Amino acid sequence: MQSIARSWLNWQVIYGGSVGRIYQTSLMGEADVRVAIVDNRGQADLLVHKVGSWALAHGDARWYLTRDKQEATVWICVCSQGMADVFIHFVKTYGEAGWQNTHKFRGRFR
């Protein structure tokens, strides 16, 4: 058990504890953030890259989508643009991912 805790502590020191583990809920009242997925990257506040494991998730822009509510750091609800707090666009590479402008939700997906 100590080795697991020590590994977790080392991970937090190296990566700053910033993990984008996202759970998608269908209920707006449960969500921490309401997001709208936009087709045009120019409309997006945040460019997101989906990663294959939670160990690769980092910061606001690299998301690991989980089905486990308890594992998630942020719960989102996908909704219309009129109801959304943040507009997102999914990108294919790590380098493209990130905020496109200053936003009040910067740092919220960690």
PDB file of N, CA and C in Angstrom:
ATOM      1  N   MET A   1       0.818  -1.195   0.000  1.00  0.00           N
ATOM      2  CA  MET A   1       0.000   0.000   0.000  1.00  0.00           C
ATOM      3  C   MET A   1       0.864   1.263   0.000  1.00  0.00           C
ATOM      4  N   GLN A   2       1.978   1.234   0.728  1.00  0.00           N
ATOM      5  CA  GLN A   2       2.844   2.401   0.758  1.00  0.00           C
ATOM      6  C   GLN A   2       3.441   2.703  -0.610  1.00  0.00           C
ATOM      7  N   SER A   3       3.769   1.645  -1.364  1.00  0.00           N
ATOM      8  CA  SER A   3       4.357   1.878  -2.681  1.00  0.00           C
ATOM      9  C   SER A   3       3.359   2.537  -3.624  1.00  0.00           C
ATOM     10  N   ILE A   4       2.085   2.174  -3.506  1.00  0.00           N
ATOM     11  CA  ILE A   4       1.060   2.808  -4.337  1.00  0.00           C
ATOM     12  C   ILE A   4       0.937   4.278  -3.958  1.00  0.00           C
ATOM     13  N   ALA A   5       0.888   4.567  -2.662  1.00  0.00           N
ATOM     14  CA  ALA A   5       0.786   5.953  -2.204  1.00  0.00           C
ATOM     15  C   ALA A   5       2.015   6.745  -2.628  1.00  0.00           C
ATOM     16  N   ARG A   6       3.192   6.140  -2.522  1.00  0.00           N
ATOM     17  CA  ARG A   6       4.426   6.810  -2.912  1.00  0.00           C
ATOM     18  C   ARG A   6       4.429   7.081  -4.407  1.00  0.00           C
ATOM     19  N   SER A   7       3.978   6.120  -5.213  1.00  0.00           N
ATOM     20  CA  SER A   7       3.906   6.322  -6.667  1.00  0.00           C
ATOM     21  C   SER A   7       2.958   7.464  -6.999  1.00  0.00           C
ATOM     22  N   TRP A   8       1.824   7.521  -6.314  1.00  0.00           N
ATOM     23  CA  TRP A   8       0.848   8.585  -6.540  1.00  0.00           C
ATOM     24  C   TRP A   8       1.456   9.939  -6.187  1.00  0.00           C
ATOM     25  N   LEU A   9       2.181   9.997  -5.068  1.00  0.00           N
ATOM     26  CA  LEU A   9       2.815  11.234  -4.653  1.00  0.00           C
ATOM     27  C   LEU A   9       3.858  11.660  -5.678  1.00  0.00           C
ATOM     28  N   ASN A  10       4.677  10.730  -6.144  1.00  0.00           N
ATOM     29  CA  ASN A  10       5.676  11.047  -7.168  1.00  0.00           C
ATOM     30  C   ASN A  10       5.008  11.562  -8.431  1.00  0.00           C
ATOM     31  N   TRP A  11       3.915  10.940  -8.816  1.00  0.00           N
ATOM     32  CA  TRP A  11       3.183  11.348 -10.013  1.00  0.00           C
ATOM     33  C   TRP A  11       2.678  12.773  -9.864  1.00  0.00           C
ATOM     34  N   GLN A  12       2.145  13.095  -8.684  1.00  0.00           N
ATOM     35  CA  GLN A  12       1.639  14.447  -8.463  1.00  0.00           C
ATOM     36  C   GLN A  12       2.756  15.475  -8.505  1.00  0.00           C
ATOM     37  N   VAL A  13       3.925  15.124  -7.985  1.00  0.00           N
ATOM     38  CA  VAL A  13       5.060  16.043  -8.010  1.00  0.00           C
ATOM     39  C   VAL A  13       5.511  16.287  -9.449  1.00  0.00           C
ATOM     40  N   ILE A  14       5.607  15.209 -10.236  1.00  0.00           N
ATOM     41  CA  ILE A  14       6.074  15.324 -11.622  1.00  0.00           C
ATOM     42  C   ILE A  14       5.065  16.063 -12.486  1.00  0.00           C
ATOM     43  N   TYR A  15       3.793  15.694 -12.376  1.00  0.00           N
ATOM     44  CA  TYR A  15       2.777  16.235 -13.271  1.00  0.00           C
ATOM     45  C   TYR A  15       1.903  17.320 -12.649  1.00  0.00           C
ATOM     46  N   GLY A  16       2.144  17.660 -11.424  1.00  0.00           N
ATOM     47  CA  GLY A  16       1.388  18.740 -10.809  1.00  0.00           C
ATOM     48  C   GLY A  16      -0.012  18.347 -10.393  1.00  0.00           C
ATOM     49  N   GLY A  17      -0.338  17.073 -10.403  1.00  0.00           N
ATOM     50  CA  GLY A  17      -1.646  16.615  -9.969  1.00  0.00           C
ATOM     51  C   GLY A  17      -2.776  17.002 -10.902  1.00  0.00           C
ATOM     52  N   SER A  18      -2.451  17.443 -12.090  1.00  0.00           N
ATOM     53  CA  SER A  18      -3.459  17.913 -13.030  1.00  0.00           C
ATOM     54  C   SER A  18      -3.959  16.766 -13.895  1.00  0.00           C
ATOM     55  N   VAL A  19      -5.149  16.306 -13.611  1.00  0.00           N
ATOM     56  CA  VAL A  19      -5.674  15.160 -14.337  1.00  0.00           C
ATOM     57  C   VAL A  19      -7.040  15.498 -14.909  1.00  0.00           C
ATOM     58  N   GLY A  20      -7.209  15.324 -16.211  1.00  0.00           N
ATOM     59  CA  GLY A  20      -8.483  15.570 -16.865  1.00  0.00           C
ATOM     60  C   GLY A  20      -9.251  14.270 -17.073  1.00  0.00           C
ATOM     61  N   ARG A  21      -9.793  13.719 -15.985  1.00  0.00           N
ATOM     62  CA  ARG A  21     -10.631  12.521 -16.094  1.00  0.00           C
ATOM     63  C   ARG A  21     -12.076  12.982 -16.110  1.00  0.00           C
ATOM     64  N   ILE A  22     -12.726  12.781 -17.235  1.00  0.00           N
ATOM     65  CA  ILE A  22     -14.032  13.378 -17.492  1.00  0.00           C
ATOM     66  C   ILE A  22     -15.127  12.312 -17.500  1.00  0.00           C
ATOM     67  N   TYR A  23     -16.202  12.600 -16.777  1.00  0.00           N
ATOM     68  CA  TYR A  23     -17.403  11.766 -16.813  1.00  0.00           C
ATOM     69  C   TYR A  23     -18.503  12.586 -17.467  1.00  0.00           C
ATOM     70  N   GLN A  24     -19.185  11.989 -18.442  1.00  0.00           N
ATOM     71  CA  GLN A  24     -20.272  12.685 -19.126  1.00  0.00           C
ATOM     72  C   GLN A  24     -21.602  12.243 -18.542  1.00  0.00           C
ATOM     73  N   THR A  25     -22.326  13.176 -17.972  1.00  0.00           N
ATOM     74  CA  THR A  25     -23.651  12.913 -17.434  1.00  0.00           C
ATOM     75  C   THR A  25     -24.702  13.489 -18.376  1.00  0.00           C
ATOM     76  N   SER A  26     -25.878  12.930 -18.338  1.00  0.00           N
ATOM     77  CA  SER A  26     -26.958  13.448 -19.180  1.00  0.00           C
ATOM     78  C   SER A  26     -27.811  14.477 -18.430  1.00  0.00           C
ATOM     79  N   LEU A  27     -27.559  14.625 -17.139  1.00  0.00           N
ATOM     80  CA  LEU A  27     -28.331  15.563 -16.323  1.00  0.00           C
ATOM     81  C   LEU A  27     -27.542  16.854 -16.096  1.00  0.00           C
ATOM     82  N   MET A  28     -28.078  17.959 -16.555  1.00  0.00           N
ATOM     83  CA  MET A  28     -27.395  19.234 -16.445  1.00  0.00           C
ATOM     84  C   MET A  28     -27.120  19.622 -14.993  1.00  0.00           C
ATOM     85  N   GLY A  29     -28.014  19.268 -14.099  1.00  0.00           N
ATOM     86  CA  GLY A  29     -27.852  19.617 -12.693  1.00  0.00           C
ATOM     87  C   GLY A  29     -26.693  18.900 -12.020  1.00  0.00           C
ATOM     88  N   GLU A  30     -26.296  17.754 -12.535  1.00  0.00           N
ATOM     89  CA  GLU A  30     -25.168  17.005 -11.976  1.00  0.00           C
ATOM     90  C   GLU A  30     -23.818  17.516 -12.477  1.00  0.00           C
ATOM     91  N   ALA A  31     -23.820  18.199 -13.589  1.00  0.00           N
ATOM     92  CA  ALA A  31     -22.568  18.582 -14.254  1.00  0.00           C
ATOM     93  C   ALA A  31     -21.847  19.713 -13.532  1.00  0.00           C
ATOM     94  N   ASP A  32     -20.519  19.603 -13.531  1.00  0.00           N
ATOM     95  CA  ASP A  32     -19.686  20.698 -13.047  1.00  0.00           C
ATOM     96  C   ASP A  32     -19.563  21.777 -14.122  1.00  0.00           C
ATOM     97  N   VAL A  33     -19.539  21.337 -15.378  1.00  0.00           N
ATOM     98  CA  VAL A  33     -19.388  22.251 -16.510  1.00  0.00           C
ATOM     99  C   VAL A  33     -20.286  21.772 -17.646  1.00  0.00           C
ATOM    100  N   ARG A  34     -20.981  22.729 -18.267  1.00  0.00           N
ATOM    101  CA  ARG A  34     -21.785  22.421 -19.459  1.00  0.00           C
ATOM    102  C   ARG A  34     -20.943  22.750 -20.681  1.00  0.00           C
ATOM    103  N   VAL A  35     -20.807  21.793 -21.605  1.00  0.00           N
ATOM    104  CA  VAL A  35     -19.982  22.007 -22.795  1.00  0.00           C
ATOM    105  C   VAL A  35     -20.804  21.816 -24.065  1.00  0.00           C
ATOM    106  N   ALA A  36     -20.431  22.539 -25.078  1.00  0.00           N
ATOM    107  CA  ALA A  36     -20.985  22.363 -26.415  1.00  0.00           C
ATOM    108  C   ALA A  36     -19.833  21.955 -27.322  1.00  0.00           C
ATOM    109  N   ILE A  37     -20.061  20.926 -28.112  1.00  0.00           N
ATOM    110  CA  ILE A  37     -19.049  20.469 -29.062  1.00  0.00           C
ATOM    111  C   ILE A  37     -19.307  21.188 -30.378  1.00  0.00           C
ATOM    112  N   VAL A  38     -18.298  21.905 -30.856  1.00  0.00           N
ATOM    113  CA  VAL A  38     -18.437  22.668 -32.097  1.00  0.00           C
ATOM    114  C   VAL A  38     -17.592  22.037 -33.194  1.00  0.00           C
ATOM    115  N   ASP A  39     -18.065  22.150 -34.426  1.00  0.00           N
ATOM    116  CA  ASP A  39     -17.370  21.575 -35.573  1.00  0.00           C
ATOM    117  C   ASP A  39     -16.195  22.432 -36.036  1.00  0.00           C
ATOM    118  N   ASN A  40     -16.311  23.719 -35.871  1.00  0.00           N
ATOM    119  CA  ASN A  40     -15.294  24.655 -36.336  1.00  0.00           C
ATOM    120  C   ASN A  40     -14.354  24.995 -35.185  1.00  0.00           C
ATOM    121  N   ARG A  41     -13.078  24.699 -35.335  1.00  0.00           N
ATOM    122  CA  ARG A  41     -12.125  24.952 -34.250  1.00  0.00           C
ATOM    123  C   ARG A  41     -11.993  26.428 -33.922  1.00  0.00           C
ATOM    124  N   GLY A  42     -12.338  27.293 -34.853  1.00  0.00           N
ATOM    125  CA  GLY A  42     -12.297  28.731 -34.596  1.00  0.00           C
ATOM    126  C   GLY A  42     -13.341  29.191 -33.590  1.00  0.00           C
ATOM    127  N   GLN A  43     -14.420  28.443 -33.457  1.00  0.00           N
ATOM    128  CA  GLN A  43     -15.474  28.770 -32.495  1.00  0.00           C
ATOM    129  C   GLN A  43     -15.155  28.270 -31.088  1.00  0.00           C
ATOM    130  N   ALA A  44     -14.216  27.345 -30.963  1.00  0.00           N
ATOM    131  CA  ALA A  44     -13.952  26.677 -29.689  1.00  0.00           C
ATOM    132  C   ALA A  44     -13.158  27.548 -28.731  1.00  0.00           C
ATOM    133  N   ASP A  45     -13.529  27.440 -27.449  1.00  0.00           N
ATOM    134  CA  ASP A  45     -12.722  28.046 -26.391  1.00  0.00           C
ATOM    135  C   ASP A  45     -11.551  27.122 -26.070  1.00  0.00           C
ATOM    136  N   LEU A  46     -11.836  25.814 -26.092  1.00  0.00           N
ATOM    137  CA  LEU A  46     -10.862  24.809 -25.686  1.00  0.00           C
ATOM    138  C   LEU A  46     -10.749  23.718 -26.743  1.00  0.00           C
ATOM    139  N   LEU A  47      -9.527  23.441 -27.185  1.00  0.00           N
ATOM    140  CA  LEU A  47      -9.260  22.330 -28.091  1.00  0.00           C
ATOM    141  C   LEU A  47      -8.850  21.140 -27.229  1.00  0.00           C
ATOM    142  N   VAL A  48      -9.566  20.018 -27.369  1.00  0.00           N
ATOM    143  CA  VAL A  48      -9.391  18.858 -26.495  1.00  0.00           C
ATOM    144  C   VAL A  48      -8.848  17.677 -27.284  1.00  0.00           C
ATOM    145  N   HIS A  49      -7.879  16.991 -26.690  1.00  0.00           N
ATOM    146  CA  HIS A  49      -7.368  15.743 -27.248  1.00  0.00           C
ATOM    147  C   HIS A  49      -7.773  14.612 -26.311  1.00  0.00           C
ATOM    148  N   LYS A  50      -8.481  13.601 -26.839  1.00  0.00           N
ATOM    149  CA  LYS A  50      -8.878  12.442 -26.030  1.00  0.00           C
ATOM    150  C   LYS A  50      -7.709  11.479 -25.953  1.00  0.00           C
ATOM    151  N   VAL A  51      -7.416  11.006 -24.739  1.00  0.00           N
ATOM    152  CA  VAL A  51      -6.324  10.062 -24.522  1.00  0.00           C
ATOM    153  C   VAL A  51      -6.892   8.713 -24.115  1.00  0.00           C
ATOM    154  N   GLY A  52      -6.087   7.661 -24.264  1.00  0.00           N
ATOM    155  CA  GLY A  52      -6.549   6.297 -24.052  1.00  0.00           C
ATOM    156  C   GLY A  52      -6.496   5.785 -22.628  1.00  0.00           C
ATOM    157  N   SER A  53      -5.805   6.489 -21.718  1.00  0.00           N
ATOM    158  CA  SER A  53      -5.757   6.042 -20.327  1.00  0.00           C
ATOM    159  C   SER A  53      -5.689   7.260 -19.419  1.00  0.00           C
ATOM    160  N   TRP A  54      -6.094   7.068 -18.158  1.00  0.00           N
ATOM    161  CA  TRP A  54      -6.104   8.223 -17.251  1.00  0.00           C
ATOM    162  C   TRP A  54      -4.699   8.696 -16.921  1.00  0.00           C
ATOM    163  N   ALA A  55      -3.704   7.833 -17.088  1.00  0.00           N
ATOM    164  CA  ALA A  55      -2.318   8.237 -16.834  1.00  0.00           C
ATOM    165  C   ALA A  55      -1.831   9.262 -17.863  1.00  0.00           C
ATOM    166  N   LEU A  56      -2.411   9.255 -19.048  1.00  0.00           N
ATOM    167  CA  LEU A  56      -2.028  10.204 -20.095  1.00  0.00           C
ATOM    168  C   LEU A  56      -2.793  11.520 -20.010  1.00  0.00           C
ATOM    169  N   ALA A  57      -3.859  11.540 -19.231  1.00  0.00           N
ATOM    170  CA  ALA A  57      -4.656  12.757 -19.080  1.00  0.00           C
ATOM    171  C   ALA A  57      -3.857  13.780 -18.290  1.00  0.00           C
ATOM    172  N   HIS A  58      -3.876  15.019 -18.762  1.00  0.00           N
ATOM    173  CA  HIS A  58      -3.095  16.058 -18.091  1.00  0.00           C
ATOM    174  C   HIS A  58      -3.679  17.422 -18.409  1.00  0.00           C
ATOM    175  N   GLY A  59      -3.882  18.219 -17.400  1.00  0.00           N
ATOM    176  CA  GLY A  59      -4.355  19.578 -17.594  1.00  0.00           C
ATOM    177  C   GLY A  59      -5.779  19.640 -18.100  1.00  0.00           C
ATOM    178  N   ASP A  60      -6.120  20.774 -18.657  1.00  0.00           N
ATOM    179  CA  ASP A  60      -7.473  21.006 -19.154  1.00  0.00           C
ATOM    180  C   ASP A  60      -7.734  20.374 -20.512  1.00  0.00           C
ATOM    181  N   ALA A  61      -6.698  20.133 -21.299  1.00  0.00           N
ATOM    182  CA  ALA A  61      -6.886  19.808 -22.706  1.00  0.00           C
ATOM    183  C   ALA A  61      -6.697  18.346 -23.081  1.00  0.00           C
ATOM    184  N   ARG A  62      -6.171  17.526 -22.207  1.00  0.00           N
ATOM    185  CA  ARG A  62      -6.010  16.095 -22.491  1.00  0.00           C
ATOM    186  C   ARG A  62      -6.975  15.325 -21.615  1.00  0.00           C
ATOM    187  N   TRP A  63      -8.052  14.876 -22.216  1.00  0.00           N
ATOM    188  CA  TRP A  63      -9.142  14.248 -21.468  1.00  0.00           C
ATOM    189  C   TRP A  63      -9.132  12.740 -21.605  1.00  0.00           C
ATOM    190  N   TYR A  64      -9.333  12.090 -20.482  1.00  0.00           N
ATOM    191  CA  TYR A  64      -9.644  10.662 -20.466  1.00  0.00           C
ATOM    192  C   TYR A  64     -11.110  10.567 -20.099  1.00  0.00           C
ATOM    193  N   LEU A  65     -11.929  10.060 -21.012  1.00  0.00           N
ATOM    194  CA  LEU A  65     -13.359   9.920 -20.766  1.00  0.00           C
ATOM    195  C   LEU A  65     -13.602   8.603 -20.041  1.00  0.00           C
ATOM    196  N   THR A  66     -14.150   8.685 -18.834  1.00  0.00           N
ATOM    197  CA  THR A  66     -14.371   7.510 -18.020  1.00  0.00           C
ATOM    198  C   THR A  66     -15.857   7.233 -17.845  1.00  0.00           C
ATOM    199  N   ARG A  67     -16.182   5.979 -17.626  1.00  0.00           N
ATOM    200  CA  ARG A  67     -17.564   5.589 -17.336  1.00  0.00           C
ATOM    201  C   ARG A  67     -17.809   5.479 -15.832  1.00  0.00           C
ATOM    202  N   ASP A  68     -16.741   5.615 -15.063  1.00  0.00           N
ATOM    203  CA  ASP A  68     -16.814   5.494 -13.609  1.00  0.00           C
ATOM    204  C   ASP A  68     -16.931   6.881 -12.980  1.00  0.00           C
ATOM    205  N   LYS A  69     -18.069   7.165 -12.376  1.00  0.00           N
ATOM    206  CA  LYS A  69     -18.306   8.478 -11.769  1.00  0.00           C
ATOM    207  C   LYS A  69     -17.282   8.808 -10.688  1.00  0.00           C
ATOM    208  N   GLN A  70     -16.894   7.804  -9.927  1.00  0.00           N
ATOM    209  CA  GLN A  70     -15.985   8.022  -8.802  1.00  0.00           C
ATOM    210  C   GLN A  70     -14.560   8.335  -9.263  1.00  0.00           C
ATOM    211  N   GLU A  71     -14.203   7.896 -10.451  1.00  0.00           N
ATOM    212  CA  GLU A  71     -12.862   8.101 -10.982  1.00  0.00           C
ATOM    213  C   GLU A  71     -12.686   9.495 -11.580  1.00  0.00           C
ATOM    214  N   ALA A  72     -13.788  10.132 -11.926  1.00  0.00           N
ATOM    215  CA  ALA A  72     -13.736  11.410 -12.644  1.00  0.00           C
ATOM    216  C   ALA A  72     -13.315  12.564 -11.753  1.00  0.00           C
ATOM    217  N   THR A  73     -12.609  13.512 -12.341  1.00  0.00           N
ATOM    218  CA  THR A  73     -12.276  14.751 -11.650  1.00  0.00           C
ATOM    219  C   THR A  73     -13.278  15.847 -11.992  1.00  0.00           C
ATOM    220  N   VAL A  74     -13.932  15.723 -13.151  1.00  0.00           N
ATOM    221  CA  VAL A  74     -14.938  16.697 -13.585  1.00  0.00           C
ATOM    222  C   VAL A  74     -16.070  15.970 -14.287  1.00  0.00           C
ATOM    223  N   TRP A  75     -17.296  16.386 -13.976  1.00  0.00           N
ATOM    224  CA  TRP A  75     -18.472  15.867 -14.670  1.00  0.00           C
ATOM    225  C   TRP A  75     -18.936  16.928 -15.651  1.00  0.00           C
ATOM    226  N   ILE A  76     -19.151  16.512 -16.908  1.00  0.00           N
ATOM    227  CA  ILE A  76     -19.637  17.441 -17.924  1.00  0.00           C
ATOM    228  C   ILE A  76     -20.997  16.993 -18.435  1.00  0.00           C
ATOM    229  N   CYS A  77     -21.711  17.947 -18.993  1.00  0.00           N
ATOM    230  CA  CYS A  77     -22.954  17.657 -19.703  1.00  0.00           C
ATOM    231  C   CYS A  77     -22.843  18.336 -21.059  1.00  0.00           C
ATOM    232  N   VAL A  78     -23.020  17.568 -22.106  1.00  0.00           N
ATOM    233  CA  VAL A  78     -22.980  18.126 -23.455  1.00  0.00           C
ATOM    234  C   VAL A  78     -24.358  18.707 -23.749  1.00  0.00           C
ATOM    235  N   CYS A  79     -24.383  19.959 -24.154  1.00  0.00           N
ATOM    236  CA  CYS A  79     -25.653  20.649 -24.385  1.00  0.00           C
ATOM    237  C   CYS A  79     -25.527  21.564 -25.601  1.00  0.00           C
ATOM    238  N   SER A  80     -26.553  22.356 -25.823  1.00  0.00           N
ATOM    239  CA  SER A  80     -26.549  23.285 -26.955  1.00  0.00           C
ATOM    240  C   SER A  80     -25.595  24.443 -26.677  1.00  0.00           C
ATOM    241  N   GLN A  81     -25.230  25.152 -27.730  1.00  0.00           N
ATOM    242  CA  GLN A  81     -24.310  26.279 -27.590  1.00  0.00           C
ATOM    243  C   GLN A  81     -24.890  27.378 -26.704  1.00  0.00           C
ATOM    244  N   GLY A  82     -26.198  27.551 -26.745  1.00  0.00           N
ATOM    245  CA  GLY A  82     -26.837  28.582 -25.936  1.00  0.00           C
ATOM    246  C   GLY A  82     -26.777  28.308 -24.445  1.00  0.00           C
ATOM    247  N   MET A  83     -26.682  27.039 -24.059  1.00  0.00           N
ATOM    248  CA  MET A  83     -26.652  26.656 -22.642  1.00  0.00           C
ATOM    249  C   MET A  83     -25.239  26.389 -22.133  1.00  0.00           C
ATOM    250  N   ALA A  84     -24.257  26.364 -23.008  1.00  0.00           N
ATOM    251  CA  ALA A  84     -22.901  25.917 -22.662  1.00  0.00           C
ATOM    252  C   ALA A  84     -22.085  26.981 -21.933  1.00  0.00           C
ATOM    253  N   ASP A  85     -21.221  26.477 -21.036  1.00  0.00           N
ATOM    254  CA  ASP A  85     -20.229  27.322 -20.380  1.00  0.00           C
ATOM    255  C   ASP A  85     -18.965  27.409 -21.230  1.00  0.00           C
ATOM    256  N   VAL A  86     -18.639  26.308 -21.904  1.00  0.00           N
ATOM    257  CA  VAL A  86     -17.403  26.205 -22.685  1.00  0.00           C
ATOM    258  C   VAL A  86     -17.704  25.535 -24.019  1.00  0.00           C
ATOM    259  N   PHE A  87     -17.138  26.075 -25.090  1.00  0.00           N
ATOM    260  CA  PHE A  87     -17.221  25.449 -26.407  1.00  0.00           C
ATOM    261  C   PHE A  87     -15.942  24.651 -26.613  1.00  0.00           C
ATOM    262  N   ILE A  88     -16.085  23.363 -26.980  1.00  0.00           N
ATOM    263  CA  ILE A  88     -14.902  22.527 -27.206  1.00  0.00           C
ATOM    264  C   ILE A  88     -14.896  21.961 -28.616  1.00  0.00           C
ATOM    265  N   HIS A  89     -13.703  21.657 -29.070  1.00  0.00           N
ATOM    266  CA  HIS A  89     -13.501  21.010 -30.368  1.00  0.00           C
ATOM    267  C   HIS A  89     -12.434  19.942 -30.149  1.00  0.00           C
ATOM    268  N   PHE A  90     -12.689  18.719 -30.624  1.00  0.00           N
ATOM    269  CA  PHE A  90     -11.734  17.634 -30.449  1.00  0.00           C
ATOM    270  C   PHE A  90     -10.688  17.667 -31.556  1.00  0.00           C
ATOM    271  N   VAL A  91      -9.417  17.544 -31.155  1.00  0.00           N
ATOM    272  CA  VAL A  91      -8.292  17.560 -32.090  1.00  0.00           C
ATOM    273  C   VAL A  91      -7.544  16.238 -32.023  1.00  0.00           C
ATOM    274  N   LYS A  92      -6.706  15.976 -33.020  1.00  0.00           N
ATOM    275  CA  LYS A  92      -6.058  14.674 -33.145  1.00  0.00           C
ATOM    276  C   LYS A  92      -4.706  14.566 -32.458  1.00  0.00           C
ATOM    277  N   THR A  93      -4.055  15.686 -32.145  1.00  0.00           N
ATOM    278  CA  THR A  93      -2.707  15.602 -31.569  1.00  0.00           C
ATOM    279  C   THR A  93      -2.618  16.379 -30.255  1.00  0.00           C
ATOM    280  N   TYR A  94      -1.628  15.974 -29.440  1.00  0.00           N
ATOM    281  CA  TYR A  94      -1.376  16.657 -28.167  1.00  0.00           C
ATOM    282  C   TYR A  94      -1.024  18.125 -28.386  1.00  0.00           C
ATOM    283  N   GLY A  95      -0.225  18.380 -29.414  1.00  0.00           N
ATOM    284  CA  GLY A  95       0.268  19.726 -29.659  1.00  0.00           C
ATOM    285  C   GLY A  95      -0.807  20.739 -29.979  1.00  0.00           C
ATOM    286  N   GLU A  96      -1.883  20.302 -30.569  1.00  0.00           N
ATOM    287  CA  GLU A  96      -2.975  21.209 -30.917  1.00  0.00           C
ATOM    288  C   GLU A  96      -3.848  21.561 -29.715  1.00  0.00           C
ATOM    289  N   ALA A  97      -3.868  20.697 -28.715  1.00  0.00           N
ATOM    290  CA  ALA A  97      -4.794  20.841 -27.591  1.00  0.00           C
ATOM    291  C   ALA A  97      -4.422  22.015 -26.698  1.00  0.00           C
ATOM    292  N   GLY A  98      -5.446  22.707 -26.221  1.00  0.00           N
ATOM    293  CA  GLY A  98      -5.234  23.805 -25.285  1.00  0.00           C
ATOM    294  C   GLY A  98      -6.294  24.886 -25.439  1.00  0.00           C
ATOM    295  N   TRP A  99      -6.225  25.847 -24.538  1.00  0.00           N
ATOM    296  CA  TRP A  99      -7.147  26.974 -24.583  1.00  0.00           C
ATOM    297  C   TRP A  99      -6.779  27.890 -25.742  1.00  0.00           C
ATOM    298  N   GLN A 100      -7.793  28.407 -26.411  1.00  0.00           N
ATOM    299  CA  GLN A 100      -7.569  29.346 -27.511  1.00  0.00           C
ATOM    300  C   GLN A 100      -7.694  30.788 -27.051  1.00  0.00           C
ATOM    301  N   ASN A 101      -8.248  30.993 -25.868  1.00  0.00           N
ATOM    302  CA  ASN A 101      -8.413  32.338 -25.343  1.00  0.00           C
ATOM    303  C   ASN A 101      -8.449  32.269 -23.818  1.00  0.00           C
ATOM    304  N   THR A 102      -8.415  33.412 -23.178  1.00  0.00           N
ATOM    305  CA  THR A 102      -8.563  33.414 -21.728  1.00  0.00           C
ATOM    306  C   THR A 102     -10.025  33.129 -21.413  1.00  0.00           C
ATOM    307  N   HIS A 103     -10.246  32.318 -20.401  1.00  0.00           N
ATOM    308  CA  HIS A 103     -11.600  31.876 -20.101  1.00  0.00           C
ATOM    309  C   HIS A 103     -11.735  31.679 -18.607  1.00  0.00           C
ATOM    310  N   LYS A 104     -12.923  31.958 -18.073  1.00  0.00           N
ATOM    311  CA  LYS A 104     -13.128  31.821 -16.631  1.00  0.00           C
ATOM    312  C   LYS A 104     -13.054  30.363 -16.165  1.00  0.00           C
ATOM    313  N   PHE A 105     -13.197  29.399 -17.070  1.00  0.00           N
ATOM    314  CA  PHE A 105     -13.119  27.987 -16.710  1.00  0.00           C
ATOM    315  C   PHE A 105     -11.721  27.408 -16.900  1.00  0.00           C
ATOM    316  N   ARG A 106     -10.747  28.226 -17.211  1.00  0.00           N
ATOM    317  CA  ARG A 106      -9.361  27.767 -17.342  1.00  0.00           C
ATOM    318  C   ARG A 106      -8.925  27.151 -16.013  1.00  0.00           C
ATOM    319  N   GLY A 107      -8.399  25.933 -16.065  1.00  0.00           N
ATOM    320  CA  GLY A 107      -7.980  25.226 -14.858  1.00  0.00           C
ATOM    321  C   GLY A 107      -9.072  24.399 -14.228  1.00  0.00           C
ATOM    322  N   ARG A 108     -10.274  24.438 -14.737  1.00  0.00           N
ATOM    323  CA  ARG A 108     -11.424  23.746 -14.147  1.00  0.00           C
ATOM    324  C   ARG A 108     -11.479  22.258 -14.475  1.00  0.00           C
ATOM    325  N   PHE A 109     -10.851  21.832 -15.558  1.00  0.00           N
ATOM    326  CA  PHE A 109     -10.937  20.441 -15.989  1.00  0.00           C
ATOM    327  C   PHE A 109      -9.826  19.587 -15.400  1.00  0.00           C
ATOM    328  N   ARG A 110      -9.128  20.074 -14.425  1.00  0.00           N
ATOM    329  CA  ARG A 110      -8.031  19.325 -13.811  1.00  0.00           C
ATOM    330  C   ARG A 110      -8.526  18.475 -12.675  1.00  0.00           C
TER     331      ARG A 110
END
